[in-house]
Every structure is written in structure tokens, then in C-alpha cells.
Protein backbone atom coordinates (compact mmCIF):
# COMPACT_ATOMS: atom_id res chain seq x y z
CA UNK A 1 9.32 -22.05 17.19
CA UNK A 2 11.42 -19.66 19.30
CA UNK A 3 14.58 -17.69 18.57
CA UNK A 4 17.13 -16.11 20.88
CA UNK A 5 19.90 -13.60 20.25
CA UNK A 6 21.57 -10.79 22.17
CA UNK A 7 23.45 -9.72 19.06
CA UNK A 8 22.48 -6.40 17.44
CA UNK A 9 22.04 -8.15 14.10
CA UNK A 10 19.67 -10.69 15.65
CA UNK A 11 16.64 -8.71 14.45
CA UNK A 12 17.69 -9.23 10.84
CA UNK A 13 18.14 -12.94 11.48
CA UNK A 14 14.67 -13.03 13.07
CA UNK A 15 13.14 -11.52 9.91
CA UNK A 16 15.05 -14.05 7.80
CA UNK A 17 13.59 -16.93 9.81
CA UNK A 18 10.08 -15.74 8.96
CA UNK A 19 10.81 -16.82 5.38
CA UNK A 20 11.07 -20.45 6.58
CA UNK A 21 8.74 -20.85 9.56
CA UNK A 22 5.02 -20.08 9.85
CA UNK A 23 5.35 -19.00 13.48
CA UNK A 24 8.57 -17.71 14.98
CA UNK A 25 8.75 -15.89 18.31
CA UNK A 26 11.44 -14.38 20.48
CA UNK A 27 12.48 -16.64 23.35
CA UNK A 28 15.25 -17.17 25.91
CA UNK A 29 18.54 -19.09 26.05
CA UNK A 30 16.63 -22.38 25.73
CA UNK A 31 15.06 -21.40 22.38
CA UNK A 32 14.94 -23.65 19.31
CA UNK A 33 17.22 -21.31 17.37
CA UNK A 34 20.18 -19.34 18.61
CA UNK A 35 22.39 -16.68 17.03
CA UNK A 36 25.26 -14.74 18.57
CA UNK A 37 28.84 -13.73 17.75
CA UNK A 38 28.78 -15.33 14.32
CA UNK A 39 27.34 -18.65 15.50
CA UNK A 40 23.96 -19.89 14.29
CA UNK A 41 22.59 -23.05 15.92
CA UNK A 42 19.41 -24.98 15.08
CA UNK A 43 18.88 -28.75 15.33
CA UNK A 44 21.14 -30.27 12.65
CA UNK A 45 22.71 -26.92 11.84
CA UNK A 46 25.75 -25.71 13.76
CA UNK A 47 27.03 -22.92 11.57
CA UNK A 48 30.12 -20.82 12.26
CA UNK A 49 29.68 -17.95 9.82
CA UNK A 50 32.56 -17.23 7.46
CA UNK A 51 32.04 -13.49 6.91
CA UNK A 52 30.37 -10.59 8.64
CA UNK A 53 29.06 -9.10 5.36
CA UNK A 54 27.22 -12.12 4.00
CA UNK A 55 26.05 -13.72 7.23
CA UNK A 56 22.38 -13.55 6.24
CA UNK A 57 23.06 -15.30 2.94
CA UNK A 58 25.03 -18.01 4.74
CA UNK A 59 22.22 -18.63 7.24
CA UNK A 60 19.60 -18.59 4.47
CA UNK A 61 21.50 -21.13 2.38
CA UNK A 62 22.11 -23.37 5.41
CA UNK A 63 18.38 -23.40 6.21
CA UNK A 64 17.56 -23.95 2.54
CA UNK A 65 19.32 -27.33 2.68
CA UNK A 66 16.78 -28.54 5.27
CA UNK A 67 13.61 -26.48 4.67
CA UNK A 68 11.69 -25.12 1.71
CA UNK A 69 11.35 -21.32 1.91
CA UNK A 70 7.78 -20.16 2.49
CA UNK A 71 8.46 -16.93 0.62
CA UNK A 72 9.82 -16.21 -2.85
CA UNK A 73 11.13 -12.87 -1.62
CA UNK A 74 14.27 -14.23 0.03
CA UNK A 75 15.95 -11.76 2.35
CA UNK A 76 13.73 -8.83 1.33
CA UNK A 77 11.35 -8.54 4.27
CA UNK A 78 10.49 -4.85 3.97
CA UNK A 79 7.37 -3.14 2.68
CA UNK A 80 9.09 -1.57 -0.34
CA UNK A 81 11.11 -4.20 -2.23
CA UNK A 82 11.68 -1.86 -5.18
CA UNK A 83 13.68 0.65 -3.12
CA UNK A 84 16.72 -1.63 -3.36
CA UNK A 85 16.34 -1.81 -7.15
CA UNK A 86 16.09 1.98 -7.49
CA UNK A 87 19.18 2.33 -5.31
CA UNK A 88 21.14 -0.11 -7.46
CA UNK A 89 19.96 1.65 -10.60
CA UNK A 90 21.04 5.04 -9.27
CA UNK A 91 24.46 3.52 -8.53
CA UNK A 92 24.81 2.82 -12.25
CA UNK A 93 24.08 -0.91 -12.23
CA UNK A 94 22.66 -2.51 -15.38
CA UNK A 95 19.42 -4.46 -15.35
CA UNK A 96 21.39 -7.70 -15.68
CA UNK A 97 23.64 -6.81 -12.74
CA UNK A 98 20.63 -5.93 -10.61
CA UNK A 99 18.95 -9.21 -11.52
CA UNK A 100 21.91 -11.29 -10.35
CA UNK A 101 22.27 -9.19 -7.20
CA UNK A 102 18.65 -9.92 -6.34
CA UNK A 103 18.87 -13.68 -6.81
CA UNK A 104 22.39 -14.21 -5.42
CA UNK A 105 22.81 -11.62 -2.68
CA UNK A 106 19.16 -11.33 -1.63
CA UNK A 107 17.95 -14.85 -2.51
CA UNK A 108 14.87 -13.81 -4.49
CA UNK A 109 13.17 -16.34 -6.72
CA UNK A 110 14.03 -15.49 -10.35
CA UNK A 111 10.42 -14.62 -11.21
CA UNK A 112 10.25 -12.07 -8.37
CA UNK A 113 13.54 -10.52 -9.50
CA UNK A 114 12.14 -10.23 -13.03
CA UNK A 115 8.93 -8.73 -11.64
CA UNK A 116 10.84 -6.00 -9.81
CA UNK A 117 12.72 -5.10 -12.98
CA UNK A 118 9.45 -5.00 -14.90
CA UNK A 119 7.92 -2.63 -12.35
CA UNK A 120 11.10 -0.54 -12.37
CA UNK A 121 10.82 0.00 -16.10
CA UNK A 122 7.15 0.97 -15.82
CA UNK A 123 7.62 3.59 -13.11
CA UNK A 124 11.19 4.86 -13.52
CA UNK A 125 10.29 8.06 -15.38
CA UNK A 126 7.71 9.11 -12.77
CA UNK A 127 10.07 8.09 -9.96
CA UNK A 128 12.87 10.31 -11.27
CA UNK A 129 10.85 13.37 -12.34
CA UNK A 130 9.40 16.38 -10.49
CA UNK A 131 11.34 15.89 -7.27
CA UNK A 132 10.69 19.56 -6.45
CA UNK A 133 6.92 19.13 -6.64
CA UNK A 134 4.68 18.45 -3.65
CA UNK A 135 1.92 15.85 -3.24
CA UNK A 136 -1.01 16.57 -0.92
CA UNK A 137 -2.89 13.83 0.93
CA UNK A 138 -6.27 14.54 2.55
CA UNK A 139 -7.70 12.05 5.07
CA UNK A 140 -11.46 11.49 5.40
CA UNK A 141 -11.55 8.53 7.80
CA UNK A 142 -15.26 7.69 7.85
CA UNK A 143 -16.92 4.49 6.63
CA UNK A 144 -20.51 3.18 6.56
CA UNK A 145 -19.22 -0.04 8.19
CA UNK A 146 -15.83 -1.50 9.15
CA UNK A 147 -14.50 -4.40 7.06
CA UNK A 148 -13.05 -7.30 9.04
CA UNK A 149 -9.68 -7.22 7.24
CA UNK A 150 -9.19 -3.47 7.69
CA UNK A 151 -6.75 -2.03 10.24
CA UNK A 152 -7.00 1.63 9.24
CA UNK A 153 -8.04 3.94 12.06
CA UNK A 154 -11.45 4.70 10.55
CA UNK A 155 -14.72 5.49 12.29
CA UNK A 156 -18.32 4.66 11.54
CA UNK A 157 -19.89 7.66 9.83
CA UNK A 158 -21.59 10.10 12.17
CA UNK A 159 -22.98 13.20 10.49
CA UNK A 160 -22.32 15.60 13.37
CA UNK A 161 -18.80 14.31 14.03
CA UNK A 162 -17.99 14.42 10.31
CA UNK A 163 -19.02 18.08 10.10
CA UNK A 164 -16.80 19.04 13.04
CA UNK A 165 -13.92 17.02 11.60
CA UNK A 166 -14.35 18.62 8.18
CA UNK A 167 -14.27 22.10 9.70
CA UNK A 168 -10.97 21.31 11.43
CA UNK A 169 -9.56 19.75 8.29
CA UNK A 170 -10.38 22.82 6.19
CA UNK A 171 -8.72 25.04 8.81
CA UNK A 172 -5.56 22.97 8.50
CA UNK A 173 -5.79 23.12 4.73
CA UNK A 174 -6.08 26.92 4.77
CA UNK A 175 -2.97 27.18 6.95
CA UNK A 176 -1.11 24.67 4.77
CA UNK A 177 -1.92 26.72 1.65
CA UNK A 178 -0.28 29.78 3.19
CA UNK A 179 2.83 27.79 4.07
CA UNK A 180 2.97 26.31 0.55
CA UNK A 181 2.88 29.83 -0.94
CA UNK A 182 5.51 31.11 1.49
CA UNK A 183 7.79 28.20 0.60
CA UNK A 184 7.13 28.77 -3.13
CA UNK A 185 6.23 25.11 -3.58
CA UNK A 186 3.93 23.70 -6.25
CA UNK A 187 1.35 21.00 -5.52
CA UNK A 188 0.89 18.86 -8.63
CA UNK A 189 -0.80 15.81 -7.10
CA UNK A 190 -3.72 15.45 -4.64
CA UNK A 191 -5.00 12.22 -3.12
CA UNK A 192 -8.24 12.30 -1.12
CA UNK A 193 -8.55 9.03 0.77
CA UNK A 194 -10.26 7.37 3.68
CA UNK A 195 -12.22 5.67 4.82
CA UNK A 196 -14.95 5.97 2.25
CA UNK A 197 -14.91 9.71 1.45
CA UNK A 198 -18.27 9.93 -0.28
CA UNK A 199 -20.06 8.63 2.78
CA UNK A 200 -20.28 12.29 3.91
CA UNK A 201 -23.17 14.56 2.87
CA UNK A 202 -23.10 15.92 -0.66
CA UNK A 203 -23.06 19.47 0.72
CA UNK A 204 -20.02 18.70 2.90
CA UNK A 205 -18.30 16.95 0.02
CA UNK A 206 -18.75 20.02 -2.16
CA UNK A 207 -17.34 22.25 0.58
CA UNK A 208 -14.22 20.07 0.80
CA UNK A 209 -13.72 19.91 -2.96
CA UNK A 210 -14.22 23.69 -3.21
CA UNK A 211 -11.46 24.17 -0.64
CA UNK A 212 -9.10 22.29 -2.97
CA UNK A 213 -10.12 24.10 -6.15
CA UNK A 214 -7.38 26.74 -6.05
CA UNK A 215 -4.65 24.19 -6.82
CA UNK A 216 -4.44 24.92 -10.53
CA UNK A 217 -1.35 23.01 -11.69
CA UNK A 218 -2.40 19.44 -10.94
CA UNK A 219 -1.20 16.48 -12.94
CA UNK A 220 -3.42 14.17 -10.92
CA UNK A 221 -6.30 14.44 -8.45
CA UNK A 222 -7.40 11.09 -7.02
CA UNK A 223 -10.63 10.46 -5.13
CA UNK A 224 -10.42 7.13 -3.32
CA UNK A 225 -14.13 6.43 -3.18
CA UNK A 226 -13.76 2.78 -2.20
CA UNK A 227 -17.15 1.11 -1.86
CA UNK A 228 -19.95 2.05 -4.22
CA UNK A 229 -22.80 1.52 -1.75
CA UNK A 230 -24.18 4.89 -0.78
CA UNK A 231 -22.84 6.57 -3.91
CA UNK A 232 -25.47 8.85 -5.43
CA UNK A 233 -25.76 10.46 -8.86
CA UNK A 234 -25.28 13.88 -7.29
CA UNK A 235 -22.07 12.93 -5.48
CA UNK A 236 -20.77 11.12 -8.56
CA UNK A 237 -21.39 14.15 -10.80
CA UNK A 238 -19.69 16.39 -8.26
CA UNK A 239 -16.61 14.18 -7.97
CA UNK A 240 -16.35 13.59 -11.73
CA UNK A 241 -16.36 17.35 -12.35
CA UNK A 242 -13.45 17.99 -9.96
CA UNK A 243 -10.99 15.08 -10.07
CA UNK A 244 -8.99 13.14 -12.66
CA UNK A 245 -8.90 9.70 -11.04
CA UNK A 246 -11.50 7.72 -9.06
CA UNK A 247 -10.98 4.50 -7.06
CA UNK A 248 -13.91 2.05 -6.95
CA UNK A 249 -12.84 -0.96 -4.93
CA UNK A 250 -15.11 -4.03 -4.84
CA UNK A 251 -12.40 -6.31 -3.27
CA UNK A 252 -14.36 -9.28 -4.63
CA UNK A 253 -17.19 -9.80 -7.08
CA UNK A 254 -17.89 -13.33 -5.85
CA UNK A 255 -21.47 -13.43 -4.60
CA UNK A 256 -21.75 -14.10 -0.89
CA UNK A 257 -18.15 -13.31 0.05
CA UNK A 258 -18.42 -9.60 0.81
CA UNK A 259 -20.85 -10.09 3.74
CA UNK A 260 -18.31 -12.49 5.29
CA UNK A 261 -15.87 -9.59 5.68
CA UNK A 262 -18.40 -6.93 6.65
CA UNK A 263 -19.04 -5.39 3.23
CA UNK A 264 -22.18 -5.24 1.10
CA UNK A 265 -22.12 -6.62 -2.44
CA UNK A 266 -20.70 -4.24 -5.07
CA UNK A 267 -24.03 -3.73 -6.83
CA UNK A 268 -23.85 -1.40 -9.83
CA UNK A 269 -20.05 -1.35 -9.97
CA UNK A 270 -20.02 -1.74 -13.76
CA UNK A 271 -22.40 1.19 -14.19
CA UNK A 272 -20.32 3.45 -11.95
CA UNK A 273 -17.07 2.52 -13.71
CA UNK A 274 -18.64 3.40 -17.05
CA UNK A 275 -20.13 6.58 -15.57
CA UNK A 276 -16.74 7.94 -14.51
CA UNK A 277 -14.88 6.75 -17.60
CA UNK A 278 -17.47 8.44 -19.82
CA UNK A 279 -16.73 11.70 -18.00
CA UNK A 280 -13.00 11.43 -18.61
CA UNK A 281 -11.84 10.04 -15.26
CA UNK A 282 -9.23 7.33 -14.90
CA UNK A 283 -10.86 4.53 -12.89
CA UNK A 284 -8.93 2.26 -10.52
CA UNK A 285 -10.32 -0.87 -8.86
CA UNK A 286 -8.96 -3.34 -6.30
CA UNK A 287 -9.43 -7.03 -5.59
CA UNK A 288 -8.14 -8.98 -2.59
CA UNK A 289 -6.67 -12.45 -3.12
CA UNK A 290 -7.30 -14.82 -0.21
CA UNK A 291 -10.55 -13.64 1.36
CA UNK A 292 -12.33 -16.22 3.54
CA UNK A 293 -14.27 -18.62 1.33
CA UNK A 294 -12.44 -17.59 -1.84
CA UNK A 295 -11.15 -20.33 -4.14
CA UNK A 296 -8.85 -20.02 -7.12
CA UNK A 297 -11.81 -20.48 -9.46
CA UNK A 298 -14.03 -17.87 -7.76
CA UNK A 299 -11.10 -15.43 -7.66
CA UNK A 300 -10.47 -15.90 -11.39
CA UNK A 301 -14.17 -15.41 -12.12
CA UNK A 302 -14.17 -12.24 -10.03
CA UNK A 303 -11.11 -10.89 -11.85
CA UNK A 304 -12.52 -11.74 -15.28
CA UNK A 305 -15.72 -9.91 -14.41
CA UNK A 306 -13.80 -6.85 -13.23
CA UNK A 307 -11.66 -6.84 -16.39
CA UNK A 308 -14.84 -6.88 -18.47
CA UNK A 309 -15.81 -3.54 -16.88
CA UNK A 310 -12.55 -2.06 -18.26
CA UNK A 311 -11.13 -0.05 -15.34
CA UNK A 312 -7.86 1.67 -16.23
CA UNK A 313 -6.03 0.38 -13.14
CA UNK A 314 -6.44 -2.88 -11.23
CA UNK A 315 -4.56 -3.60 -8.01
CA UNK A 316 -4.42 -7.14 -6.66
CA UNK A 317 -3.92 -7.16 -2.89
CA UNK A 318 -2.55 -10.17 -1.05
CA UNK A 319 -4.74 -10.54 2.06
CA UNK A 320 -2.83 -9.52 5.17
CA UNK A 321 -4.00 -10.62 8.64
CA UNK A 322 -3.34 -7.30 10.32
CA UNK A 323 -3.08 -6.77 14.06
CA UNK A 324 -5.66 -3.99 14.09
CA UNK A 325 -8.25 -5.92 12.08
CA UNK A 326 -10.98 -8.21 13.38
CA UNK A 327 -10.09 -10.92 10.84
CA UNK A 328 -7.35 -12.93 12.59
CA UNK A 329 -7.36 -16.43 11.09
CA UNK A 330 -8.01 -17.61 7.59
CA UNK A 331 -9.93 -20.80 6.84
CA UNK A 332 -7.88 -23.17 4.71
CA UNK A 333 -8.44 -22.72 0.98
CA UNK A 334 -6.58 -22.46 -2.30
CA UNK A 335 -3.17 -20.82 -2.06
CA UNK A 336 -3.01 -17.07 -2.42
CA UNK A 337 0.23 -17.38 -4.39
CA UNK A 338 -1.63 -19.29 -7.11
CA UNK A 339 -4.21 -16.49 -7.24
CA UNK A 340 -1.46 -13.89 -7.64
CA UNK A 341 0.16 -15.92 -10.41
CA UNK A 342 -3.15 -16.33 -12.23
CA UNK A 343 -3.86 -12.61 -11.90
CA UNK A 344 -0.47 -11.71 -13.35
CA UNK A 345 -0.92 -14.01 -16.35
CA UNK A 346 -4.50 -12.96 -17.02
CA UNK A 347 -3.92 -9.23 -16.67
CA UNK A 348 -0.86 -9.36 -18.92
CA UNK A 349 -2.92 -11.00 -21.67
CA UNK A 350 -5.41 -8.13 -21.33
CA UNK A 351 -2.65 -5.50 -21.79
CA UNK A 352 -2.39 -4.49 -18.12
CA UNK A 353 1.18 -3.80 -16.98
CA UNK A 354 2.44 -3.94 -13.37
CA UNK A 355 3.68 -0.50 -12.32
CA UNK A 356 3.84 -0.35 -8.51
CA UNK A 357 4.42 -2.90 -5.78
CA UNK A 358 4.53 -3.18 -2.02
CA UNK A 359 4.41 -5.84 0.65
CA UNK A 360 3.01 -6.05 4.20
CA UNK A 361 3.61 -8.02 7.33
CA UNK A 362 1.45 -11.09 8.01
CA UNK A 363 0.58 -11.59 4.35
CA UNK A 364 -1.09 -14.91 3.67
CA UNK A 365 1.38 -16.95 1.53
CA UNK A 366 3.86 -14.04 1.83
CA UNK A 367 3.13 -12.54 -1.56
CA UNK A 368 2.82 -8.93 -2.67
CA UNK A 369 0.35 -6.19 -3.56
CA UNK A 370 0.73 -5.36 -7.23
CA UNK A 371 -0.82 -2.48 -9.14
CA UNK A 372 -1.49 -2.77 -12.87
CA UNK A 373 -2.41 -0.13 -15.44
CA UNK A 374 -3.42 -0.06 -19.08
CA UNK A 375 -3.42 2.71 -21.64
CA UNK A 376 -0.66 4.74 -19.98
CA UNK A 377 -2.61 5.51 -16.80
CA UNK A 378 -0.30 4.84 -13.82
CA UNK A 379 -1.04 6.63 -10.55
CA UNK A 380 1.64 9.22 -9.88
CA UNK A 381 0.74 9.38 -6.18
CA UNK A 382 0.97 5.61 -5.70
CA UNK A 383 4.51 5.57 -7.06
CA UNK A 384 5.60 8.58 -5.02
CA UNK A 385 4.05 7.27 -1.84
CA UNK A 386 5.49 3.76 -2.17
CA UNK A 387 9.01 4.68 -3.24
CA UNK A 388 9.57 7.58 -0.79
CA UNK A 389 11.12 9.65 -3.57
CA UNK A 390 8.97 12.78 -3.25
CA UNK A 391 7.66 14.90 -0.40
CA UNK A 392 4.05 14.40 0.67
CA UNK A 393 2.15 16.80 2.93
CA UNK A 394 -0.68 14.90 4.64
CA UNK A 395 -3.60 16.49 6.49
CA UNK A 396 -6.21 14.94 8.78
CA UNK A 397 -6.27 12.19 11.38
CA UNK A 398 -3.90 9.24 10.84
CA UNK A 399 -2.16 11.25 8.12
CA UNK A 400 1.59 10.75 7.72
CA UNK A 401 3.60 13.45 5.97
CA UNK A 402 6.97 12.67 4.41
CA UNK A 403 9.64 15.31 4.09
CA UNK A 404 13.14 14.84 2.71
CA UNK A 405 16.12 16.71 4.12
CA UNK A 406 19.64 16.06 2.84
CA UNK A 407 18.53 12.74 1.41
CA UNK A 408 16.90 11.58 4.65
CA UNK A 409 13.19 10.74 4.77
CA UNK A 410 11.40 12.08 7.86
CA UNK A 411 7.85 10.99 8.77
CA UNK A 412 5.49 13.33 10.62
CA UNK A 413 2.36 11.65 12.01
CA UNK A 414 -0.97 13.20 12.97
CA UNK A 415 -3.03 11.77 15.85
CA UNK A 416 -4.79 8.55 14.84
CA UNK A 417 -7.85 9.20 16.96
CA UNK A 418 -10.34 11.48 15.21
CA UNK A 419 -11.50 13.22 18.39
CA UNK A 420 -7.91 13.83 19.44
CA UNK A 421 -7.12 15.29 16.03
CA UNK A 422 -10.10 17.65 16.31
CA UNK A 423 -9.04 18.74 19.79
CA UNK A 424 -5.32 19.25 19.16
CA UNK A 425 -5.30 22.08 16.63
CA UNK A 426 -1.92 23.30 17.85
CA UNK A 427 -0.47 19.86 17.08
CA UNK A 428 -1.60 20.18 13.45
CA UNK A 429 -0.06 23.64 13.10
CA UNK A 430 3.17 22.34 14.62
CA UNK A 431 3.30 19.42 12.17
CA UNK A 432 2.70 21.68 9.16
CA UNK A 433 5.39 24.11 10.34
CA UNK A 434 7.76 21.20 10.93
CA UNK A 435 7.15 19.94 7.40
CA UNK A 436 8.33 23.22 5.89
CA UNK A 437 11.25 23.81 8.29
């Protein structure tokens, strides 16, 4: 299916069409679909749009007469569907008014509109508070192997390279600390992610954690450990003594599926979850809905097993076939949307509440990634990062800082390539200076 438009608003129409057609590409004047100067043409549809403001709604409703939408998210094609809801809330709209705006003006399915309002209620206090505080993200982009669904710019662990990278990272951190003091800013949230951060040597891990020990006013310190293979008692004790939140992400507990996506089985996950919880850490775990070979029944079994381990947070990711990943096509299986629905129902019965949400391009079944928490344990960083409401200083390769000036969000990106990051020290200093300008 091809689409053609020279109109500036054609890009928005193109995104709309993705809600109805599995494959839609840009074409020429002979394309299947055409939009320009208020005229939308496709097979039986010859639509002269009535208004300039609601043209997307008109096109959507015209297509809806002939085709069933593939997505329940209507006209919301972006990564952060809740941003619109926060904006409406800040404009003084009631929950009821926002609900009808979502289903009428943005064509969401009622259950997705209700979901957004549920997530809004769960995160609104964190979203609105501490706007003057600073979050710090630290990137450790090394993994013991690369999963087939992953598009992050990570590198297979190499001890020598990791040591050089860590030295550069700590230099940047030292400079950033000086700038934070000069600017009289307070860091109240740290997120150390990857990669698989505890793949590095225990000695190197301790050096990195020591370099972060002088941040004394933290509400949250997250260590995104990821996979549990390679985790040792020594590293676990070290991490548990320094952080408040640990991520242990099996992605699936269905035997035989992990090797299909380049991961080992999550052996000992239950023991590690209990280890960290017994030492006072909040534990977060992820599952992916839609992995190759996964059925609705195996997914439910995997989720039930994870729930039995009692992590504080569980995030259900909708598999996304990302451009940078080696996994490109998905064998036909049970629908991912049914897995997401089952997860929502099951987690709610176990007292887990959804508290943050985001979407991605090329999601199988066009669903969403939804984070749940129980016992009042939401991740502050996840909410801040997703809703773009707070400033985040990010250090390391592939790190993206977010600064806010006069209400405008500005992204500052570090080099994605690890060797380039190591080489370009001046670039790092420039980015840190830019963040505080």
C-alpha cells in the first residue's frame, strides 16, 4: 500500500494510515492513497474535507466505514500517549472531559482512554512534584550477549574496553558534579542502566558506585541489572548496599524461549528477587509479550510464575520489531493484544496498579508498554523520563540528556559508538556545559 502527498500535513495523515494498514509506504502520484489541499482519495473514498482543524478525524472516520482499525490508540501515534492527558489536565479539564476528548477527538478505544486516566491518577503527584530537582542517568552499555529483539547500541563485554570506558565515564561524572554544585542543583534520582551493568568486574563496579556515593539526598537509586546470568553474590551484596531499586528482567520464564532470542534461561531469578527484597531493595522485573514461539497460555504461565516471586514492579513490554535489532519478522502466534489484556486483568487481581506507559514504532499488534507497581513502589525515574516533565543529565555513550528552557524540552545526545565516546572527551564536556547553560 502506497501513499502520496505534497501537503505539509501529509506526514500526519501517513501516521494515521498506519492504524488501518499493516504496510504503508510513501509513493508517487500513482499511489493507492492520495492527500492534498483538503482532498483525500482512496478506492471508494473521495473525501473533500469539511474543516482544517478536524481533518484527521474526518479521514479516520471515513476509513472506519470500510476498514477495521488495527490499533485501539486511534490518532495517538506518538511514544508518550499520556503527555496529551497531562496537558489537558493542566488546562483545567476534568477527568470526564478528558475521557470524551480522547474517544471523540483522538478516536481512542474507550478502554485505552480509561487506561490513560488510570495511569494519570497513579503518577500525577510524582509528575507534578520536584520540578527543580535533577535526575542523573549513567550508561554502562556492555552485555554478555546481544538479544535478537534489542536495538540499543550495546557492545559485547570486553574487560579492557570496559575499563577504559569506565575511566572516561568517571571523568565526565567528576566534571558534571562540579557543574551541578556551581548551578546549585540537587540530584534526587539516579538510574544506572545498560546494557547489563553487572557484567563488569566487581572491582570496577565498586569504583563506579563509589564515584556516585557523594549524592546524599537521593529519593531513588536504580540499578538496571537486567539478566541474572553472571550475577555473583559479591556483586549482589555490593549493589544491595548502595541502591534502593534493582531491575531483574527475565523477559520470559517459558522454558526454551530465551535461547530463541539470544538469552540464557533466567535460572535463579526467584532467589535473586528474594535476596534483594530481603535487603530492603525495591525489585522490578520485565516480561515481553509476543516473543517468537510464545502462546497466550505460555505467556500467562510465565506471568503467574513471576508474580509468585513477588517483585514490587512488573512491566509488560509489547514486542517491537525494531530497525536496529536482528529480529525482523515474527512467526504467527496468539495475538499480543490478548496477552496484554490478560496481563492487565491478572495483575490487577494481584493488587498491581499501572503507573507508567509508553509506546514504540513497529509494535506487534500496536499495543503499549505498561509498568505496574504494588505497595506504593512506583519508579520516579520512569515517570520523569517518559513524561518529559523533569530535567535529566545523562552521561556515557548513547546517553540523551533532557533540559527544559522556557517550557521547551531540548535533547542533548552523546555519541552512540563506545569508542567514539571514549575518544571525544571534548564533546562530553561541551554537552555537560550545554546542559547547564
